[in-house]
Amino acid sequence: MGVGGGKSDNDSDGLDPVWHDWLDTSRLFSLSGKVAVVTGAAGGIGRWLAAGMAAAGASVFLTDREDETLDALVGSWSKRNWDVASLPVDLEIEDAAEQIVSGVRSRFGHLDILINNAGINQRRPMLDVPSALLHRIWEIDFIRCYELAQAAARVMIDQGHGGSIVHISSVNTSVGLEDVSLLGPTKAALSQLAKGMAIELAHHGIRTNAIAPGFMATPINATHWSDETRAPWIMGRTPMCRPGHPAELVGTCLLLASNAGSFITGQTIFVDGGFTAGSRWNVSPSYGLEAFLEHGGFCAPQRAQESPSTGPTDLQK
């Protein structure tokens, strides 16, 4: 029996009443009263994570460098009665972290959740990467994320009631890919940062984790699915034989941002359709792609199976 697992006078049902709130799943995953920052919120993954935070009751501060897209999202999402605001910030600017934290505090008064999602990438052979590009990728994909996590953590500590920081990492943290020598190391650094921050910030009530998406149906990956080499390779190595939809990251993000993940910190959770688990070897190399083309692969959410629509148009890009 675990610590605190003994029976009290008030738990005749065998369940400690102190923890009864954890059985109300609507409250367990609720972010009501919380304020969340989502960077890269105009992109394919970022907008879905931001929408998930807002749908769970959080006030959400959207940041990206695409101000027109942010304005459109805020206008559309406000009609859903979601409490959202935005600030266009380019992470290439040295004081980007300060701008974002100052902006969210000015608009909402406090900060409880940071979703460190923004980043850039260029696929090039490692021997062809110029020094300037190498430094630019690291500046945006890791250093700015580090600085923003620092700034957010300091605010959370000052507020005195903890918080949650979620870095968006990548399947490339554990699997090397040709021409991806820029993205993989920066994402691996974010996963490692989640561990270090978890150790240093737990006594302040701050949890820090990472999510590592697999191959997702986003604009940056759009050319993969028609590529005669990459499409069968990806589908053949993904047990679900399909790309993930960004909406399928929302549940994991809510877990890590809410009380549902209250004992989770320092972890990287892979949401990759089984890619890092391994692959089948008793089937033909074309099996995965054929399964995807014939019936959309496996384990798709029931609602997604029933309708070809991927969701409300205001969440598409």
Protein backbone atom coordinates (compact mmCIF):
# COMPACT_ATOMS: atom_id res chain seq x y z
CA MET A 1 0.00 0.00 0.00
CA GLY A 2 1.35 3.43 -0.96
CA VAL A 3 2.11 6.26 1.43
CA GLY A 4 -1.11 7.78 2.70
CA GLY A 5 -3.10 4.77 1.49
CA GLY A 6 -4.54 3.85 4.88
CA LYS A 7 -8.27 4.01 5.56
CA SER A 8 -9.71 6.96 7.47
CA ASP A 9 -13.02 7.41 9.27
CA ASN A 10 -14.39 9.34 6.29
CA ASP A 11 -13.49 7.03 3.42
CA SER A 12 -15.96 4.19 3.83
CA ASP A 13 -15.77 3.68 0.08
CA GLY A 14 -12.06 2.93 0.42
CA LEU A 15 -11.06 6.19 -1.26
CA ASP A 16 -9.30 8.93 0.67
CA PRO A 17 -11.69 11.91 0.52
CA VAL A 18 -8.75 14.31 0.26
CA TRP A 19 -8.26 13.00 -3.29
CA HIS A 20 -11.91 12.80 -4.37
CA ASP A 21 -11.46 15.81 -6.68
CA TRP A 22 -9.18 13.64 -8.82
CA LEU A 23 -12.21 11.49 -9.68
CA ASP A 24 -14.06 14.44 -11.22
CA THR A 25 -12.36 14.31 -14.60
CA SER A 26 -14.01 17.50 -15.84
CA ARG A 27 -12.29 19.37 -13.00
CA LEU A 28 -9.13 17.29 -13.14
CA PHE A 29 -8.28 18.50 -16.64
CA SER A 30 -9.79 21.95 -16.22
CA LEU A 31 -7.62 25.03 -16.66
CA SER A 32 -10.27 27.44 -15.41
CA GLY A 33 -8.67 30.50 -13.85
CA LYS A 34 -5.27 29.73 -15.39
CA VAL A 35 -3.36 31.87 -17.86
CA ALA A 36 -1.36 30.14 -20.60
CA VAL A 37 1.17 31.44 -23.12
CA VAL A 38 1.51 29.50 -26.37
CA THR A 39 4.36 30.45 -28.71
CA GLY A 40 4.20 29.67 -32.41
CA ALA A 41 0.42 29.83 -32.04
CA ALA A 42 -0.21 30.62 -35.71
CA GLY A 43 1.27 27.31 -36.86
CA GLY A 44 -0.26 23.90 -37.36
CA ILE A 45 0.61 22.48 -33.93
CA GLY A 46 0.60 25.72 -31.95
CA ARG A 47 -2.92 26.77 -32.86
CA TRP A 48 -4.35 23.43 -31.80
CA LEU A 49 -2.50 23.50 -28.48
CA ALA A 50 -3.71 27.06 -27.90
CA ALA A 51 -7.26 26.05 -28.78
CA GLY A 52 -7.01 23.12 -26.38
CA MET A 53 -5.90 25.37 -23.54
CA ALA A 54 -8.75 27.80 -24.24
CA ALA A 55 -11.35 25.05 -24.53
CA ALA A 56 -10.23 23.76 -21.11
CA GLY A 57 -10.99 27.16 -19.58
CA ALA A 58 -7.63 28.93 -19.64
CA SER A 59 -7.10 32.51 -20.70
CA VAL A 60 -4.64 32.10 -23.57
CA PHE A 61 -2.00 34.52 -24.82
CA LEU A 62 -1.03 33.70 -28.40
CA THR A 63 2.35 34.72 -29.77
CA ASP A 64 3.89 34.32 -33.19
CA ARG A 65 5.53 36.53 -35.77
CA GLU A 66 2.45 36.35 -38.06
CA ASP A 67 0.30 39.14 -36.68
CA GLU A 68 -2.46 38.88 -39.31
CA THR A 69 -2.99 35.19 -38.55
CA LEU A 70 -3.03 35.89 -34.81
CA ASP A 71 -5.62 38.64 -35.26
CA ALA A 72 -7.81 36.29 -37.29
CA LEU A 73 -7.58 33.55 -34.67
CA VAL A 74 -8.40 35.91 -31.81
CA GLY A 75 -11.38 37.28 -33.70
CA SER A 76 -12.71 33.84 -34.56
CA TRP A 77 -12.04 32.22 -31.20
CA SER A 78 -13.61 35.08 -29.28
CA LYS A 79 -16.89 34.05 -30.92
CA ARG A 80 -16.52 30.74 -29.08
CA ASN A 81 -16.40 32.73 -25.84
CA TRP A 82 -12.76 31.80 -25.38
CA ASP A 83 -10.69 34.35 -23.47
CA VAL A 84 -7.78 34.94 -25.85
CA ALA A 85 -5.36 37.73 -26.72
CA SER A 86 -2.29 37.93 -28.90
CA LEU A 87 1.05 39.65 -29.35
CA PRO A 88 3.19 39.39 -32.50
CA VAL A 89 6.78 38.68 -31.42
CA ASP A 90 9.67 37.48 -33.55
CA LEU A 91 11.92 35.15 -31.55
CA GLU A 92 14.92 36.47 -33.43
CA ILE A 93 14.63 39.63 -31.32
CA GLU A 94 16.90 39.43 -28.28
CA ASP A 95 14.32 40.66 -25.79
CA ALA A 96 11.53 38.42 -27.14
CA ALA A 97 11.13 36.61 -23.81
CA GLU A 98 10.74 39.86 -21.90
CA GLN A 99 8.21 41.15 -24.43
CA ILE A 100 6.08 38.02 -24.14
CA VAL A 101 6.10 37.81 -20.35
CA SER A 102 5.47 41.54 -19.99
CA GLY A 103 2.65 41.30 -22.51
CA VAL A 104 0.81 38.44 -20.84
CA ARG A 105 1.10 40.04 -17.39
CA SER A 106 -0.17 43.34 -18.75
CA ARG A 107 -3.16 41.66 -20.41
CA PHE A 108 -4.09 38.94 -17.91
CA GLY A 109 -2.25 39.86 -14.71
CA HIS A 110 -0.45 36.57 -14.14
CA LEU A 111 1.06 33.51 -15.83
CA ASP A 112 0.52 29.85 -14.94
CA ILE A 113 1.36 27.81 -18.04
CA LEU A 114 3.96 28.16 -20.77
CA ILE A 115 3.77 26.08 -23.94
CA ASN A 116 7.19 26.55 -25.58
CA ASN A 117 6.19 25.57 -29.11
CA ALA A 118 7.76 28.03 -31.56
CA GLY A 119 10.71 27.03 -33.68
CA ILE A 120 12.13 26.94 -37.19
CA ASN A 121 13.90 24.32 -39.27
CA GLN A 122 15.75 23.82 -42.53
CA ARG A 123 16.46 20.37 -43.92
CA ARG A 124 20.00 20.31 -45.28
CA PRO A 125 22.88 17.83 -45.42
CA MET A 126 25.04 18.39 -42.36
CA LEU A 127 28.12 19.15 -44.45
CA ASP A 128 26.24 21.93 -46.26
CA VAL A 129 25.02 23.84 -43.17
CA PRO A 130 26.67 27.28 -42.97
CA SER A 131 27.69 28.62 -39.59
CA ALA A 132 25.23 31.52 -39.76
CA LEU A 133 22.28 29.14 -40.23
CA LEU A 134 23.50 26.86 -37.45
CA HIS A 135 23.65 29.78 -35.02
CA ARG A 136 20.25 31.13 -36.14
CA ILE A 137 18.50 27.78 -35.61
CA TRP A 138 19.99 27.37 -32.13
CA GLU A 139 19.20 30.98 -31.25
CA ILE A 140 15.51 30.56 -32.03
CA ASP A 141 14.85 26.88 -31.31
CA PHE A 142 16.74 26.61 -28.03
CA ILE A 143 18.18 29.82 -26.63
CA ARG A 144 14.95 31.83 -26.93
CA CYS A 145 12.98 28.89 -25.51
CA TYR A 146 15.45 28.68 -22.63
CA GLU A 147 15.16 32.42 -21.97
CA LEU A 148 11.37 32.32 -22.11
CA ALA A 149 11.27 29.38 -19.71
CA GLN A 150 13.56 31.33 -17.36
CA ALA A 151 11.36 34.42 -17.52
CA ALA A 152 8.15 32.44 -17.05
CA ALA A 153 9.59 30.47 -14.12
CA ARG A 154 10.65 33.67 -12.37
CA VAL A 155 7.12 35.04 -12.67
CA MET A 156 5.63 31.78 -11.39
CA ILE A 157 8.00 31.80 -8.42
CA ASP A 158 7.09 35.42 -7.60
CA GLN A 159 3.39 34.57 -7.76
CA GLY A 160 3.92 31.77 -5.27
CA HIS A 161 1.47 29.18 -6.57
CA GLY A 162 3.57 27.13 -9.00
CA GLY A 163 2.91 26.44 -12.64
CA SER A 164 3.61 24.20 -15.59
CA ILE A 165 6.05 24.56 -18.47
CA VAL A 166 5.76 22.31 -21.53
CA HIS A 167 8.43 22.26 -24.24
CA ILE A 168 7.46 20.94 -27.65
CA SER A 169 10.28 18.60 -28.58
CA SER A 170 10.33 16.05 -31.43
CA VAL A 171 10.63 12.40 -32.30
CA ASN A 172 14.04 13.45 -33.64
CA THR A 173 15.30 13.52 -30.06
CA SER A 174 15.61 9.75 -30.18
CA VAL A 175 15.75 8.94 -33.91
CA GLY A 176 18.24 10.45 -36.32
CA LEU A 177 17.07 11.41 -39.80
CA GLU A 178 18.97 12.36 -42.91
CA ASP A 179 19.23 16.15 -43.44
CA VAL A 180 17.77 16.86 -39.97
CA SER A 181 20.99 17.61 -38.11
CA LEU A 182 19.69 21.10 -37.25
CA LEU A 183 16.30 20.27 -35.71
CA GLY A 184 17.14 17.08 -33.83
CA PRO A 185 19.84 18.43 -31.50
CA THR A 186 17.84 21.53 -30.54
CA LYS A 187 14.80 19.42 -29.69
CA ALA A 188 16.92 16.97 -27.73
CA ALA A 189 18.26 19.96 -25.81
CA LEU A 190 14.69 21.00 -24.93
CA SER A 191 13.93 17.52 -23.61
CA GLN A 192 17.07 17.63 -21.50
CA LEU A 193 16.17 21.13 -20.33
CA ALA A 194 12.84 19.77 -19.10
CA LYS A 195 14.75 17.36 -16.85
CA GLY A 196 17.09 20.00 -15.44
CA MET A 197 14.30 22.48 -14.84
CA ALA A 198 12.17 19.81 -13.18
CA ILE A 199 14.91 19.19 -10.61
CA GLU A 200 15.55 22.85 -9.91
CA LEU A 201 11.96 24.09 -9.87
CA ALA A 202 9.96 21.34 -8.15
CA HIS A 203 10.35 22.98 -4.73
CA HIS A 204 8.71 26.07 -6.22
CA GLY A 205 5.70 24.00 -7.31
CA ILE A 206 6.66 24.22 -10.99
CA ARG A 207 6.48 21.14 -13.20
CA THR A 208 8.41 21.00 -16.48
CA ASN A 209 7.93 18.42 -19.21
CA ALA A 210 8.20 17.97 -22.96
CA ILE A 211 6.06 16.49 -25.71
CA ALA A 212 7.77 14.80 -28.65
CA PRO A 213 5.41 14.64 -31.64
CA GLY A 214 5.99 12.14 -34.40
CA PHE A 215 5.17 12.82 -38.03
CA MET A 216 2.17 15.15 -37.96
CA ALA A 217 -0.18 16.40 -40.68
CA THR A 218 1.09 19.98 -40.60
CA PRO A 219 2.07 22.41 -43.37
CA ILE A 220 5.79 21.84 -42.79
CA ASN A 221 5.31 18.11 -43.46
CA ALA A 222 2.84 18.47 -46.34
CA THR A 223 5.24 17.24 -49.02
CA HIS A 224 6.00 13.99 -47.18
CA TRP A 225 2.72 12.25 -47.95
CA SER A 226 3.12 12.41 -51.74
CA ASP A 227 6.87 11.73 -51.76
CA GLU A 228 7.50 8.30 -53.30
CA THR A 229 10.42 7.64 -50.95
CA ARG A 230 9.46 9.31 -47.67
CA ALA A 231 5.77 8.36 -47.57
CA PRO A 232 6.30 4.57 -47.58
CA TRP A 233 9.27 4.92 -45.23
CA ILE A 234 7.26 6.89 -42.64
CA MET A 235 4.13 4.77 -42.88
CA GLY A 236 6.12 1.55 -42.83
CA ARG A 237 7.82 2.56 -39.57
CA THR A 238 4.75 3.94 -37.84
CA PRO A 239 2.60 1.09 -36.44
CA MET A 240 -0.55 3.20 -36.84
CA CYS A 241 0.32 3.69 -40.53
CA ARG A 242 -0.81 7.31 -40.59
CA PRO A 243 0.37 10.78 -39.65
CA GLY A 244 -0.93 12.29 -36.45
CA HIS A 245 -3.25 15.26 -36.45
CA PRO A 246 -2.18 18.22 -34.28
CA ALA A 247 -5.44 17.83 -32.37
CA GLU A 248 -4.08 14.52 -31.07
CA LEU A 249 -1.46 16.44 -29.09
CA VAL A 250 -4.07 18.38 -27.12
CA GLY A 251 -4.80 15.60 -24.64
CA THR A 252 -1.16 15.13 -23.68
CA CYS A 253 -0.68 18.87 -23.36
CA LEU A 254 -3.73 19.17 -21.10
CA LEU A 255 -2.43 16.29 -18.99
CA LEU A 256 0.86 18.08 -18.42
CA ALA A 257 -0.65 21.53 -17.89
CA SER A 258 -3.44 20.53 -15.51
CA ASN A 259 -3.82 18.82 -12.14
CA ALA A 260 -4.20 15.53 -14.03
CA GLY A 261 -0.42 15.52 -14.38
CA SER A 262 0.33 16.64 -10.83
CA PHE A 263 2.97 13.93 -10.28
CA ILE A 264 4.61 14.19 -13.71
CA THR A 265 7.74 16.28 -14.17
CA GLY A 266 11.02 16.00 -16.06
CA GLN A 267 9.50 13.73 -18.69
CA THR A 268 9.35 13.69 -22.48
CA ILE A 269 6.17 12.02 -23.71
CA PHE A 270 6.32 10.70 -27.26
CA VAL A 271 3.10 11.13 -29.24
CA ASP A 272 4.25 9.42 -32.41
CA GLY A 273 1.85 6.67 -33.45
CA GLY A 274 4.31 4.10 -32.14
CA PHE A 275 7.23 5.26 -34.31
CA THR A 276 9.80 4.99 -31.52
CA ALA A 277 8.39 1.65 -30.33
CA GLY A 278 9.68 -0.11 -33.42
CA SER A 279 8.22 -1.43 -36.66
CA ARG A 280 6.84 -4.59 -38.22
CA TRP A 281 9.23 -6.76 -40.21
CA ASN A 282 6.94 -9.56 -41.39
CA VAL A 283 5.10 -7.35 -43.88
CA SER A 284 6.06 -5.85 -47.22
CA PRO A 285 7.80 -2.44 -47.29
CA SER A 286 4.69 -0.96 -48.90
CA TYR A 287 2.28 -2.28 -46.25
CA GLY A 288 2.11 0.89 -44.16
CA LEU A 289 1.46 3.23 -47.07
CA GLU A 290 -1.13 0.88 -48.52
CA ALA A 291 -2.95 0.77 -45.18
CA PHE A 292 -2.91 4.57 -45.05
CA LEU A 293 -4.19 5.01 -48.61
CA GLU A 294 -6.86 2.30 -48.29
CA HIS A 295 -8.45 3.17 -44.97
CA GLY A 296 -6.48 5.96 -43.32
CA GLY A 297 -4.27 3.74 -41.18
CA PHE A 298 -5.13 2.53 -37.70
CA CYS A 299 -6.33 3.80 -34.31
CA ALA A 300 -7.81 7.06 -35.61
CA PRO A 301 -10.26 8.64 -33.13
CA GLN A 302 -13.82 7.50 -33.86
CA ARG A 303 -15.07 10.97 -34.76
CA ALA A 304 -12.20 11.46 -37.21
CA GLN A 305 -13.00 8.08 -38.79
CA GLU A 306 -16.64 9.02 -39.30
CA SER A 307 -15.99 12.33 -41.03
CA PRO A 308 -13.35 13.47 -43.52
CA SER A 309 -13.36 16.87 -41.84
CA THR A 310 -10.35 17.54 -39.63
CA GLY A 311 -12.14 20.14 -37.56
CA PRO A 312 -13.50 23.66 -37.60
CA THR A 313 -12.16 25.76 -40.45
CA ASP A 314 -10.84 28.41 -38.10
CA LEU A 315 -8.36 25.84 -36.76
CA GLN A 316 -6.95 24.94 -40.15
CA LYS A 317 -3.87 26.24 -41.88
